[in-house]
């Protein structure tokens, strides 16, 4: 029986110019909103924090000092 990657959260290693799958899946969850992000739509992540973000605005907000959030 073939295993399906549909509706499964992927684990990724985030690098400056891309990401590498560590475990199979078709999406990741935004670190801030928990929104499902299909891998083919993933554009924003933090290499330092190793976490994905759904939008540029969410990514920028996640990188603000806690006193400014």
C-alpha atoms as a PDB file:
ATOM      1  CA  UNK A   1       0.000   0.000   0.000  1.00  0.00           C
ATOM      2  CA  UNK A   2       1.332   3.455  -0.910  1.00  0.00           C
ATOM      3  CA  UNK A   3       1.546   6.083   1.794  1.00  0.00           C
ATOM      4  CA  UNK A   4      -0.100   9.400   0.920  1.00  0.00           C
ATOM      5  CA  UNK A   5       1.364  12.777   1.837  1.00  0.00           C
ATOM      6  CA  UNK A   6      -1.994  14.491   1.463  1.00  0.00           C
ATOM      7  CA  UNK A   7      -3.328  16.299   4.506  1.00  0.00           C
ATOM      8  CA  UNK A   8      -0.106  15.607   6.393  1.00  0.00           C
ATOM      9  CA  UNK A   9       2.136  18.226   8.013  1.00  0.00           C
ATOM     10  CA  UNK A  10       5.673  18.184   6.594  1.00  0.00           C
ATOM     11  CA  UNK A  11       8.760  18.784   8.711  1.00  0.00           C
ATOM     12  CA  UNK A  12      11.298  21.000   6.963  1.00  0.00           C
ATOM     13  CA  UNK A  13      14.795  22.336   7.496  1.00  0.00           C
ATOM     14  CA  UNK A  14      14.752  26.017   6.483  1.00  0.00           C
ATOM     15  CA  UNK A  15      17.799  27.426   4.698  1.00  0.00           C
ATOM     16  CA  UNK A  16      18.503  30.941   3.325  1.00  0.00           C
ATOM     17  CA  UNK A  17      17.436  30.057  -0.236  1.00  0.00           C
ATOM     18  CA  UNK A  18      15.001  27.217   0.274  1.00  0.00           C
ATOM     19  CA  UNK A  19      14.055  24.330   2.481  1.00  0.00           C
ATOM     20  CA  UNK A  20      14.759  20.618   2.710  1.00  0.00           C
ATOM     21  CA  UNK A  21      12.098  18.085   3.692  1.00  0.00           C
ATOM     22  CA  UNK A  22      12.863  16.096   6.832  1.00  0.00           C
ATOM     23  CA  UNK A  23       9.559  14.226   6.767  1.00  0.00           C
ATOM     24  CA  UNK A  24       6.979  13.966   4.016  1.00  0.00           C
ATOM     25  CA  UNK A  25       3.823  16.030   3.905  1.00  0.00           C
ATOM     26  CA  UNK A  26       1.946  18.492   1.723  1.00  0.00           C
ATOM     27  CA  UNK A  27       1.878  21.531   4.031  1.00  0.00           C
ATOM     28  CA  UNK A  28       3.356  23.231   7.095  1.00  0.00           C
ATOM     29  CA  UNK A  29       1.626  25.247   9.800  1.00  0.00           C
ATOM     30  CA  UNK A  30       2.297  28.958  10.223  1.00  0.00           C
ATOM     31  CA  UNK A  31       4.237  29.492  13.463  1.00  0.00           C
ATOM     32  CA  UNK A  32       2.051  32.474  14.408  1.00  0.00           C
ATOM     33  CA  UNK A  33      -1.457  31.686  13.136  1.00  0.00           C
ATOM     34  CA  UNK A  34      -1.347  27.869  12.745  1.00  0.00           C
ATOM     35  CA  UNK A  35      -2.761  28.352   9.233  1.00  0.00           C
ATOM     36  CA  UNK A  36      -1.948  25.480   6.843  1.00  0.00           C
ATOM     37  CA  UNK A  37       0.490  26.584   4.127  1.00  0.00           C
ATOM     38  CA  UNK A  38       0.804  24.285   1.087  1.00  0.00           C
ATOM     39  CA  UNK A  39       4.480  23.636   0.344  1.00  0.00           C
ATOM     40  CA  UNK A  40       4.171  25.047  -3.171  1.00  0.00           C
ATOM     41  CA  UNK A  41       2.911  28.337  -1.655  1.00  0.00           C
ATOM     42  CA  UNK A  42       5.485  28.604   1.160  1.00  0.00           C
ATOM     43  CA  UNK A  43       7.468  31.835   0.673  1.00  0.00           C
ATOM     44  CA  UNK A  44       8.301  33.129   4.160  1.00  0.00           C
ATOM     45  CA  UNK A  45      10.307  31.478   6.943  1.00  0.00           C
ATOM     46  CA  UNK A  46      12.974  32.138   9.519  1.00  0.00           C
ATOM     47  CA  UNK A  47      16.266  30.298   9.164  1.00  0.00           C
ATOM     48  CA  UNK A  48      17.263  31.336  12.692  1.00  0.00           C
ATOM     49  CA  UNK A  49      13.987  30.292  14.330  1.00  0.00           C
ATOM     50  CA  UNK A  50      13.340  27.392  11.902  1.00  0.00           C
ATOM     51  CA  UNK A  51       9.663  28.322  11.519  1.00  0.00           C
ATOM     52  CA  UNK A  52       7.343  29.131   8.587  1.00  0.00           C
ATOM     53  CA  UNK A  53       4.983  32.098   8.157  1.00  0.00           C
ATOM     54  CA  UNK A  54       1.840  32.451   6.063  1.00  0.00           C
ATOM     55  CA  UNK A  55       2.479  36.037   4.864  1.00  0.00           C
ATOM     56  CA  UNK A  56       5.207  38.681   4.710  1.00  0.00           C
ATOM     57  CA  UNK A  57       3.317  40.754   7.288  1.00  0.00           C
ATOM     58  CA  UNK A  58       3.202  37.850   9.742  1.00  0.00           C
ATOM     59  CA  UNK A  59       6.907  37.199   9.157  1.00  0.00           C
ATOM     60  CA  UNK A  60       7.799  40.843   9.823  1.00  0.00           C
ATOM     61  CA  UNK A  61       5.650  40.916  12.963  1.00  0.00           C
ATOM     62  CA  UNK A  62       7.302  37.707  14.258  1.00  0.00           C
ATOM     63  CA  UNK A  63      10.720  39.351  13.989  1.00  0.00           C
ATOM     64  CA  UNK A  64       9.819  42.464  15.990  1.00  0.00           C
ATOM     65  CA  UNK A  65      11.072  42.728  19.558  1.00  0.00           C
ATOM     66  CA  UNK A  66       8.406  41.497  21.997  1.00  0.00           C
ATOM     67  CA  UNK A  67       7.874  45.057  23.281  1.00  0.00           C
ATOM     68  CA  UNK A  68       6.785  46.162  19.765  1.00  0.00           C
ATOM     69  CA  UNK A  69       4.459  43.251  18.923  1.00  0.00           C
END
